[in-house]
Amino acid sequence: GLLARIDQLLREVDELPAVNSVGKPRPGPAQPAEAPEADNWWSRMSRAFRDEARDLVRVSRVERPEDTMLAPDQIFFIRENLKLRLMNARMGLLARQYEAARSDLAAAGSTLGRYFDPASRRTQAAATLLQQVQGFTREADVPRVDATLNALAKAGAAQAAPVPSDKSR
C-alpha cells in the first residue's frame, strides 16, 4: 500500500529530469537536398557552422535563475537528499510518527517542484504519486492517548464491579 508507493518514488528519483537539464534536440523541418555539384565549399561550411551554432544557443524562460546554475554534482546531492526525505517519511510511517512523516513528505514535494522539470511526464507522475501518499498520511492518525486511557479505565471499572450473586436459590 502506502510504503510500496514510497518505495516506487525512491526508485524513480534517479530518472527524474532536473530543471536545468538540456533536453534532446528536436528535429527541425527537413531541408531539401541540394545537388552536390551545385554546393561549393563555402555554402557547406556556412551551413555546418549555422547548424553547430544553433545547437550551442538555447533560449527559454526561467522562473528562478539560481536553479539553472546547479552543477551536475549538486543535482546528485539534491537527488540523494530527496531520497533521504522519502526514506525518513517511510521510517516515520513505520514508527507511527505521522507528523514527522508529513513534514518529510512536504519537504520532498517542495524539492520535487523546485529542482525537477515540471513539464516532464516522469516528474508529473512522481508529483501525483507523492500527493497520493500525502493524502493517505492525512487520513491515518493514531488514536489519542486520553481516549485509550478512558477505555482502559472503563474496562478496569467493569472488572472491579462486584458480580451480583444468585443467593435466592
N, C-alpha and C. Protein backbone atom coordinates (compact mmCIF):
# COMPACT_ATOMS: atom_id res chain seq x y z
N GLY A 1 0.80 -1.18 0.00
CA GLY A 1 0.00 0.00 0.00
C GLY A 1 0.85 1.25 0.00
N LEU A 2 0.82 1.90 1.14
CA LEU A 2 1.45 3.21 1.27
C LEU A 2 2.98 3.13 1.20
N LEU A 3 3.55 2.15 1.87
CA LEU A 3 5.01 2.00 1.85
C LEU A 3 5.51 1.59 0.47
N ALA A 4 4.71 0.81 -0.26
CA ALA A 4 5.09 0.42 -1.61
C ALA A 4 5.13 1.63 -2.54
N ARG A 5 4.23 2.57 -2.32
CA ARG A 5 4.24 3.79 -3.14
C ARG A 5 5.47 4.64 -2.85
N ILE A 6 5.84 4.71 -1.59
CA ILE A 6 7.06 5.46 -1.25
C ILE A 6 8.28 4.77 -1.85
N ASP A 7 8.31 3.44 -1.81
CA ASP A 7 9.42 2.70 -2.43
C ASP A 7 9.47 2.94 -3.93
N GLN A 8 8.31 3.03 -4.57
CA GLN A 8 8.27 3.32 -6.00
C GLN A 8 8.84 4.71 -6.28
N LEU A 9 8.50 5.68 -5.45
CA LEU A 9 9.07 7.02 -5.59
C LEU A 9 10.59 6.99 -5.43
N LEU A 10 11.06 6.22 -4.47
CA LEU A 10 12.51 6.11 -4.26
C LEU A 10 13.22 5.56 -5.50
N ARG A 11 12.59 4.59 -6.16
CA ARG A 11 13.21 4.02 -7.36
C ARG A 11 13.19 5.00 -8.53
N GLU A 12 12.21 5.89 -8.58
CA GLU A 12 12.06 6.80 -9.72
C GLU A 12 12.90 8.07 -9.60
N VAL A 13 13.43 8.37 -8.44
CA VAL A 13 14.14 9.63 -8.22
C VAL A 13 15.32 9.79 -9.16
N ASP A 14 16.08 8.73 -9.40
CA ASP A 14 17.28 8.84 -10.24
C ASP A 14 16.95 9.11 -11.70
N GLU A 15 15.73 8.86 -12.12
CA GLU A 15 15.37 9.05 -13.52
C GLU A 15 14.61 10.35 -13.78
N LEU A 16 14.39 11.14 -12.74
CA LEU A 16 13.68 12.40 -12.92
C LEU A 16 14.60 13.43 -13.58
N PRO A 17 14.12 14.13 -14.60
CA PRO A 17 14.97 15.15 -15.24
C PRO A 17 15.04 16.41 -14.39
N ALA A 18 16.23 16.93 -14.25
CA ALA A 18 16.43 18.16 -13.48
C ALA A 18 15.93 19.35 -14.28
N VAL A 19 15.65 20.43 -13.57
CA VAL A 19 15.12 21.63 -14.22
C VAL A 19 16.15 22.25 -15.16
N ASN A 20 17.44 22.04 -14.90
CA ASN A 20 18.47 22.64 -15.75
C ASN A 20 19.04 21.67 -16.77
N SER A 21 18.45 20.48 -16.89
CA SER A 21 18.98 19.53 -17.87
C SER A 21 18.55 19.94 -19.27
N VAL A 22 19.42 19.69 -20.20
CA VAL A 22 19.15 20.03 -21.60
C VAL A 22 18.47 18.83 -22.24
N GLY A 23 17.33 19.09 -22.84
CA GLY A 23 16.59 18.01 -23.49
C GLY A 23 17.23 17.61 -24.80
N LYS A 24 16.73 16.54 -25.35
CA LYS A 24 17.23 16.09 -26.64
C LYS A 24 16.79 17.07 -27.71
N PRO A 25 17.65 17.37 -28.66
CA PRO A 25 17.26 18.31 -29.70
C PRO A 25 16.14 17.73 -30.55
N ARG A 26 15.17 18.57 -30.81
CA ARG A 26 14.05 18.14 -31.64
C ARG A 26 14.42 18.33 -33.10
N PRO A 27 14.11 17.37 -33.93
CA PRO A 27 14.44 17.53 -35.34
C PRO A 27 13.59 18.64 -35.95
N GLY A 28 14.26 19.49 -36.68
CA GLY A 28 13.57 20.59 -37.33
C GLY A 28 12.97 20.14 -38.65
N PRO A 29 12.39 21.05 -39.38
CA PRO A 29 11.84 20.67 -40.67
C PRO A 29 12.95 20.22 -41.61
N ALA A 30 12.62 19.22 -42.38
CA ALA A 30 13.61 18.66 -43.30
C ALA A 30 13.95 19.68 -44.38
N GLN A 31 15.26 19.82 -44.61
CA GLN A 31 15.70 20.75 -45.64
C GLN A 31 15.82 19.99 -46.96
N PRO A 32 15.43 20.61 -48.04
CA PRO A 32 15.53 19.92 -49.32
C PRO A 32 16.99 19.67 -49.67
N ALA A 33 17.24 18.49 -50.15
CA ALA A 33 18.60 18.13 -50.53
C ALA A 33 18.97 18.83 -51.83
N GLU A 34 20.12 19.46 -51.78
CA GLU A 34 20.59 20.15 -52.98
C GLU A 34 21.55 19.23 -53.73
N ALA A 35 21.68 19.49 -54.95
CA ALA A 35 22.59 18.68 -55.76
C ALA A 35 24.01 18.92 -55.29
N PRO A 36 24.81 17.88 -55.11
CA PRO A 36 26.17 18.05 -54.60
C PRO A 36 27.05 18.88 -55.52
N GLU A 37 26.81 18.83 -56.82
CA GLU A 37 27.67 19.61 -57.70
C GLU A 37 27.38 21.10 -57.59
N ALA A 38 26.16 21.47 -57.14
CA ALA A 38 25.84 22.89 -57.00
C ALA A 38 26.41 23.46 -55.71
N ASP A 39 26.71 22.60 -54.74
CA ASP A 39 27.27 23.05 -53.47
C ASP A 39 28.75 23.35 -53.63
N ASN A 40 29.12 24.51 -53.20
CA ASN A 40 30.55 24.79 -53.14
C ASN A 40 30.99 24.67 -51.68
N TRP A 41 32.24 24.70 -51.44
CA TRP A 41 32.75 24.50 -50.10
C TRP A 41 32.30 25.60 -49.15
N TRP A 42 32.11 26.81 -49.66
CA TRP A 42 31.70 27.93 -48.82
C TRP A 42 30.28 27.72 -48.26
N SER A 43 29.36 27.29 -49.07
CA SER A 43 27.99 27.08 -48.60
C SER A 43 27.91 25.89 -47.64
N ARG A 44 28.71 24.84 -47.89
CA ARG A 44 28.73 23.70 -46.96
C ARG A 44 29.27 24.13 -45.60
N MET A 45 30.33 24.93 -45.59
CA MET A 45 30.91 25.40 -44.33
C MET A 45 29.95 26.32 -43.58
N SER A 46 29.29 27.21 -44.30
CA SER A 46 28.36 28.12 -43.63
C SER A 46 27.16 27.35 -43.06
N ARG A 47 26.68 26.35 -43.76
CA ARG A 47 25.56 25.53 -43.28
C ARG A 47 25.99 24.73 -42.04
N ALA A 48 27.19 24.16 -42.08
CA ALA A 48 27.70 23.41 -40.93
C ALA A 48 27.88 24.32 -39.71
N PHE A 49 28.42 25.52 -39.94
CA PHE A 49 28.60 26.47 -38.85
C PHE A 49 27.26 26.89 -38.26
N ARG A 50 26.28 27.16 -39.11
CA ARG A 50 24.95 27.56 -38.66
C ARG A 50 24.30 26.45 -37.83
N ASP A 51 24.44 25.21 -38.27
CA ASP A 51 23.85 24.09 -37.53
C ASP A 51 24.52 23.91 -36.17
N GLU A 52 25.84 24.07 -36.12
CA GLU A 52 26.55 23.95 -34.84
C GLU A 52 26.18 25.10 -33.91
N ALA A 53 26.09 26.31 -34.43
CA ALA A 53 25.74 27.47 -33.60
C ALA A 53 24.32 27.34 -33.07
N ARG A 54 23.43 26.77 -33.83
CA ARG A 54 22.05 26.57 -33.40
C ARG A 54 21.99 25.61 -32.21
N ASP A 55 22.88 24.63 -32.18
CA ASP A 55 22.91 23.68 -31.07
C ASP A 55 23.54 24.29 -29.81
N LEU A 56 24.35 25.33 -29.97
CA LEU A 56 25.01 25.94 -28.82
C LEU A 56 24.11 26.87 -28.03
N VAL A 57 23.16 27.51 -28.68
CA VAL A 57 22.34 28.52 -28.04
C VAL A 57 20.94 27.97 -27.80
N ARG A 58 20.46 28.17 -26.57
CA ARG A 58 19.11 27.75 -26.23
C ARG A 58 18.46 28.90 -25.49
N VAL A 59 17.30 29.30 -25.93
CA VAL A 59 16.58 30.39 -25.29
C VAL A 59 15.33 29.81 -24.63
N SER A 60 15.18 30.10 -23.33
CA SER A 60 13.99 29.63 -22.61
C SER A 60 13.72 30.56 -21.44
N ARG A 61 12.49 30.51 -20.96
CA ARG A 61 12.09 31.33 -19.82
C ARG A 61 12.44 30.58 -18.54
N VAL A 62 13.05 31.30 -17.60
CA VAL A 62 13.47 30.69 -16.34
C VAL A 62 12.81 31.47 -15.20
N GLU A 63 12.09 30.76 -14.34
CA GLU A 63 11.43 31.40 -13.21
C GLU A 63 12.43 31.75 -12.11
N ARG A 64 13.28 30.81 -11.75
CA ARG A 64 14.29 31.03 -10.71
C ARG A 64 15.66 30.76 -11.32
N PRO A 65 16.41 31.80 -11.64
CA PRO A 65 17.69 31.60 -12.32
C PRO A 65 18.72 30.83 -11.49
N GLU A 66 18.63 30.89 -10.17
CA GLU A 66 19.63 30.18 -9.36
C GLU A 66 19.50 28.67 -9.50
N ASP A 67 18.31 28.18 -9.85
CA ASP A 67 18.13 26.74 -10.02
C ASP A 67 18.83 26.22 -11.27
N THR A 68 18.98 27.05 -12.27
CA THR A 68 19.63 26.60 -13.50
C THR A 68 21.15 26.62 -13.39
N MET A 69 21.67 27.23 -12.35
CA MET A 69 23.12 27.32 -12.18
C MET A 69 23.70 26.13 -11.42
N LEU A 70 22.88 25.14 -11.14
CA LEU A 70 23.35 23.98 -10.39
C LEU A 70 24.28 23.12 -11.23
N ALA A 71 25.36 22.69 -10.63
CA ALA A 71 26.29 21.79 -11.30
C ALA A 71 25.75 20.36 -11.22
N PRO A 72 26.20 19.48 -12.11
CA PRO A 72 25.71 18.09 -12.07
C PRO A 72 25.94 17.39 -10.74
N ASP A 73 27.06 17.68 -10.07
CA ASP A 73 27.26 17.03 -8.77
C ASP A 73 26.30 17.57 -7.72
N GLN A 74 25.86 18.81 -7.86
CA GLN A 74 24.85 19.34 -6.94
C GLN A 74 23.50 18.68 -7.18
N ILE A 75 23.18 18.39 -8.44
CA ILE A 75 21.94 17.68 -8.75
C ILE A 75 21.98 16.29 -8.12
N PHE A 76 23.16 15.66 -8.13
CA PHE A 76 23.31 14.36 -7.49
C PHE A 76 22.95 14.45 -6.01
N PHE A 77 23.45 15.48 -5.33
CA PHE A 77 23.17 15.62 -3.90
C PHE A 77 21.71 15.99 -3.65
N ILE A 78 21.10 16.72 -4.56
CA ILE A 78 19.67 17.03 -4.42
C ILE A 78 18.85 15.75 -4.54
N ARG A 79 19.23 14.88 -5.48
CA ARG A 79 18.54 13.59 -5.62
C ARG A 79 18.71 12.75 -4.35
N GLU A 80 19.92 12.73 -3.82
CA GLU A 80 20.16 11.95 -2.60
C GLU A 80 19.39 12.53 -1.42
N ASN A 81 19.30 13.85 -1.34
CA ASN A 81 18.53 14.49 -0.28
C ASN A 81 17.05 14.14 -0.41
N LEU A 82 16.54 14.11 -1.64
CA LEU A 82 15.15 13.73 -1.86
C LEU A 82 14.92 12.28 -1.43
N LYS A 83 15.86 11.41 -1.75
CA LYS A 83 15.75 10.01 -1.32
C LYS A 83 15.74 9.90 0.20
N LEU A 84 16.61 10.67 0.86
CA LEU A 84 16.65 10.64 2.32
C LEU A 84 15.34 11.12 2.93
N ARG A 85 14.76 12.15 2.34
CA ARG A 85 13.46 12.64 2.83
C ARG A 85 12.39 11.57 2.70
N LEU A 86 12.38 10.88 1.56
CA LEU A 86 11.40 9.83 1.35
C LEU A 86 11.63 8.65 2.31
N MET A 87 12.90 8.31 2.54
CA MET A 87 13.19 7.23 3.50
C MET A 87 12.81 7.63 4.92
N ASN A 88 13.04 8.90 5.27
CA ASN A 88 12.63 9.38 6.59
C ASN A 88 11.11 9.33 6.74
N ALA A 89 10.40 9.68 5.68
CA ALA A 89 8.94 9.60 5.72
C ALA A 89 8.50 8.15 5.89
N ARG A 90 9.17 7.26 5.22
CA ARG A 90 8.85 5.83 5.33
C ARG A 90 9.09 5.34 6.76
N MET A 91 10.21 5.73 7.34
CA MET A 91 10.51 5.34 8.72
C MET A 91 9.52 5.98 9.70
N GLY A 92 9.13 7.21 9.43
CA GLY A 92 8.14 7.86 10.28
C GLY A 92 6.80 7.15 10.26
N LEU A 93 6.40 6.68 9.09
CA LEU A 93 5.14 5.93 9.00
C LEU A 93 5.25 4.60 9.73
N LEU A 94 6.39 3.94 9.60
CA LEU A 94 6.57 2.66 10.30
C LEU A 94 6.59 2.85 11.82
N ALA A 95 7.12 3.97 12.28
CA ALA A 95 7.19 4.26 13.71
C ALA A 95 5.93 4.96 14.21
N ARG A 96 4.96 5.15 13.34
CA ARG A 96 3.69 5.83 13.66
C ARG A 96 3.92 7.27 14.13
N GLN A 97 4.92 7.90 13.57
CA GLN A 97 5.17 9.31 13.82
C GLN A 97 4.69 10.07 12.59
N TYR A 98 3.39 10.26 12.53
CA TYR A 98 2.76 10.78 11.32
C TYR A 98 3.12 12.24 11.05
N GLU A 99 3.31 13.03 12.09
CA GLU A 99 3.68 14.43 11.88
C GLU A 99 5.05 14.54 11.22
N ALA A 100 5.99 13.74 11.68
CA ALA A 100 7.34 13.75 11.08
C ALA A 100 7.27 13.27 9.63
N ALA A 101 6.45 12.25 9.37
CA ALA A 101 6.31 11.74 8.01
C ALA A 101 5.69 12.80 7.11
N ARG A 102 4.67 13.50 7.61
CA ARG A 102 4.04 14.57 6.81
C ARG A 102 5.04 15.68 6.51
N SER A 103 5.85 16.03 7.49
CA SER A 103 6.86 17.07 7.30
C SER A 103 7.88 16.66 6.23
N ASP A 104 8.34 15.42 6.29
CA ASP A 104 9.31 14.95 5.30
C ASP A 104 8.69 14.86 3.91
N LEU A 105 7.44 14.45 3.83
CA LEU A 105 6.77 14.38 2.52
C LEU A 105 6.56 15.77 1.94
N ALA A 106 6.25 16.75 2.80
CA ALA A 106 6.10 18.12 2.31
C ALA A 106 7.43 18.67 1.80
N ALA A 107 8.52 18.38 2.51
CA ALA A 107 9.85 18.82 2.06
C ALA A 107 10.22 18.13 0.75
N ALA A 108 9.88 16.86 0.62
CA ALA A 108 10.15 16.15 -0.64
C ALA A 108 9.35 16.75 -1.78
N GLY A 109 8.11 17.14 -1.50
CA GLY A 109 7.28 17.77 -2.53
C GLY A 109 7.84 19.11 -2.99
N SER A 110 8.34 19.90 -2.04
CA SER A 110 8.90 21.19 -2.44
C SER A 110 10.20 21.01 -3.22
N THR A 111 11.01 20.02 -2.85
CA THR A 111 12.23 19.72 -3.60
C THR A 111 11.89 19.26 -5.01
N LEU A 112 10.90 18.41 -5.10
CA LEU A 112 10.48 17.90 -6.41
C LEU A 112 9.98 19.03 -7.30
N GLY A 113 9.21 19.94 -6.74
CA GLY A 113 8.68 21.06 -7.52
C GLY A 113 9.72 22.09 -7.90
N ARG A 114 10.75 22.22 -7.09
CA ARG A 114 11.73 23.28 -7.34
C ARG A 114 12.86 22.85 -8.27
N TYR A 115 13.40 21.65 -8.08
CA TYR A 115 14.62 21.27 -8.78
C TYR A 115 14.41 20.31 -9.95
N PHE A 116 13.19 19.84 -10.17
CA PHE A 116 12.95 18.89 -11.24
C PHE A 116 11.96 19.47 -12.24
N ASP A 117 12.13 19.10 -13.49
CA ASP A 117 11.39 19.67 -14.61
C ASP A 117 9.89 19.39 -14.48
N PRO A 118 9.07 20.42 -14.27
CA PRO A 118 7.63 20.19 -14.10
C PRO A 118 6.92 19.80 -15.40
N ALA A 119 7.56 20.01 -16.54
CA ALA A 119 6.94 19.66 -17.82
C ALA A 119 7.15 18.19 -18.17
N SER A 120 8.04 17.52 -17.47
CA SER A 120 8.33 16.12 -17.75
C SER A 120 7.21 15.22 -17.22
N ARG A 121 6.90 14.19 -17.99
CA ARG A 121 5.86 13.25 -17.55
C ARG A 121 6.30 12.47 -16.32
N ARG A 122 7.57 12.15 -16.25
CA ARG A 122 8.07 11.41 -15.07
C ARG A 122 7.92 12.25 -13.81
N THR A 123 8.25 13.53 -13.91
CA THR A 123 8.12 14.40 -12.74
C THR A 123 6.66 14.57 -12.36
N GLN A 124 5.79 14.71 -13.35
CA GLN A 124 4.36 14.85 -13.07
C GLN A 124 3.82 13.59 -12.41
N ALA A 125 4.24 12.42 -12.89
CA ALA A 125 3.78 11.16 -12.29
C ALA A 125 4.30 11.03 -10.85
N ALA A 126 5.54 11.42 -10.62
CA ALA A 126 6.11 11.35 -9.27
C ALA A 126 5.39 12.33 -8.34
N ALA A 127 5.06 13.52 -8.85
CA ALA A 127 4.34 14.50 -8.03
C ALA A 127 2.94 14.00 -7.68
N THR A 128 2.28 13.37 -8.64
CA THR A 128 0.95 12.81 -8.38
C THR A 128 1.03 11.70 -7.33
N LEU A 129 2.00 10.84 -7.47
CA LEU A 129 2.18 9.75 -6.51
C LEU A 129 2.50 10.29 -5.12
N LEU A 130 3.31 11.33 -5.06
CA LEU A 130 3.65 11.95 -3.78
C LEU A 130 2.41 12.59 -3.14
N GLN A 131 1.57 13.22 -3.95
CA GLN A 131 0.33 13.80 -3.42
C GLN A 131 -0.61 12.73 -2.89
N GLN A 132 -0.66 11.58 -3.56
CA GLN A 132 -1.48 10.47 -3.06
C GLN A 132 -0.97 9.99 -1.71
N VAL A 133 0.34 9.85 -1.59
CA VAL A 133 0.92 9.41 -0.32
C VAL A 133 0.63 10.43 0.78
N GLN A 134 0.74 11.72 0.45
CA GLN A 134 0.44 12.76 1.43
C GLN A 134 -1.03 12.71 1.84
N GLY A 135 -1.92 12.43 0.90
CA GLY A 135 -3.33 12.30 1.22
C GLY A 135 -3.61 11.14 2.16
N PHE A 136 -2.93 10.03 1.94
CA PHE A 136 -3.12 8.86 2.82
C PHE A 136 -2.57 9.12 4.22
N THR A 137 -1.49 9.87 4.33
CA THR A 137 -0.93 10.13 5.66
C THR A 137 -1.81 11.10 6.44
N ARG A 138 -2.57 11.94 5.76
CA ARG A 138 -3.50 12.82 6.47
C ARG A 138 -4.64 12.01 7.09
N GLU A 139 -5.03 10.94 6.41
CA GLU A 139 -6.14 10.12 6.90
C GLU A 139 -5.71 9.22 8.05
N ALA A 140 -4.48 8.78 8.05
CA ALA A 140 -4.02 7.82 9.06
C ALA A 140 -3.56 8.58 10.29
N ASP A 141 -4.32 8.48 11.34
CA ASP A 141 -3.94 9.11 12.60
C ASP A 141 -3.97 8.08 13.71
N VAL A 142 -3.09 8.25 14.65
CA VAL A 142 -3.01 7.37 15.81
C VAL A 142 -4.10 7.80 16.79
N PRO A 143 -4.74 6.85 17.45
CA PRO A 143 -5.73 7.23 18.47
C PRO A 143 -5.06 8.05 19.56
N ARG A 144 -5.82 8.98 20.10
CA ARG A 144 -5.27 9.84 21.14
C ARG A 144 -5.07 9.05 22.43
N VAL A 145 -4.11 9.46 23.21
CA VAL A 145 -3.77 8.77 24.45
C VAL A 145 -4.92 8.85 25.45
N ASP A 146 -5.57 10.01 25.54
CA ASP A 146 -6.65 10.14 26.52
C ASP A 146 -7.83 9.23 26.20
N ALA A 147 -8.09 8.99 24.92
CA ALA A 147 -9.16 8.06 24.55
C ALA A 147 -8.79 6.64 24.96
N THR A 148 -7.53 6.28 24.81
CA THR A 148 -7.06 4.96 25.23
C THR A 148 -7.14 4.81 26.74
N LEU A 149 -6.74 5.84 27.48
CA LEU A 149 -6.81 5.79 28.94
C LEU A 149 -8.24 5.69 29.43
N ASN A 150 -9.16 6.41 28.79
CA ASN A 150 -10.58 6.31 29.15
C ASN A 150 -11.10 4.90 28.91
N ALA A 151 -10.73 4.30 27.81
CA ALA A 151 -11.17 2.93 27.52
C ALA A 151 -10.62 1.95 28.54
N LEU A 152 -9.36 2.13 28.94
CA LEU A 152 -8.77 1.27 29.97
C LEU A 152 -9.45 1.47 31.32
N ALA A 153 -9.78 2.71 31.66
CA ALA A 153 -10.46 2.98 32.93
C ALA A 153 -11.83 2.33 32.96
N LYS A 154 -12.55 2.40 31.86
CA LYS A 154 -13.88 1.76 31.79
C LYS A 154 -13.75 0.25 31.91
N ALA A 155 -12.75 -0.32 31.26
CA ALA A 155 -12.55 -1.77 31.34
C ALA A 155 -12.16 -2.17 32.75
N GLY A 156 -11.33 -1.38 33.40
CA GLY A 156 -10.93 -1.67 34.79
C GLY A 156 -12.10 -1.53 35.75
N ALA A 157 -12.95 -0.52 35.52
CA ALA A 157 -14.11 -0.32 36.38
C ALA A 157 -15.11 -1.46 36.20
N ALA A 158 -15.26 -1.93 35.01
CA ALA A 158 -16.19 -3.04 34.76
C ALA A 158 -15.67 -4.32 35.41
N GLN A 159 -14.38 -4.49 35.46
CA GLN A 159 -13.79 -5.68 36.07
C GLN A 159 -13.86 -5.61 37.59
N ALA A 160 -13.73 -4.42 38.14
CA ALA A 160 -13.72 -4.25 39.59
C ALA A 160 -15.13 -4.27 40.18
N ALA A 161 -16.12 -4.06 39.39
CA ALA A 161 -17.50 -4.05 39.90
C ALA A 161 -17.87 -5.44 40.39
N PRO A 162 -18.53 -5.53 41.55
CA PRO A 162 -18.91 -6.85 42.07
C PRO A 162 -19.97 -7.49 41.18
N VAL A 163 -19.83 -8.77 41.04
CA VAL A 163 -20.78 -9.53 40.24
C VAL A 163 -21.93 -9.93 41.17
N PRO A 164 -23.17 -9.60 40.80
CA PRO A 164 -24.28 -9.98 41.68
C PRO A 164 -24.39 -11.50 41.76
N SER A 165 -24.49 -11.98 42.98
CA SER A 165 -24.59 -13.43 43.17
C SER A 165 -26.05 -13.83 43.31
N ASP A 166 -26.33 -15.02 42.94
CA ASP A 166 -27.70 -15.53 42.98
C ASP A 166 -27.87 -16.34 44.27
N LYS A 167 -28.24 -15.72 45.41
CA LYS A 167 -28.39 -16.41 46.69
C LYS A 167 -29.85 -16.79 46.94
N SER A 168 -30.69 -16.48 46.02
CA SER A 168 -32.10 -16.79 46.20
C SER A 168 -32.40 -18.25 45.97
N ARG A 169 -31.53 -19.02 45.48
CA ARG A 169 -31.78 -20.44 45.21
C ARG A 169 -31.72 -21.25 46.42
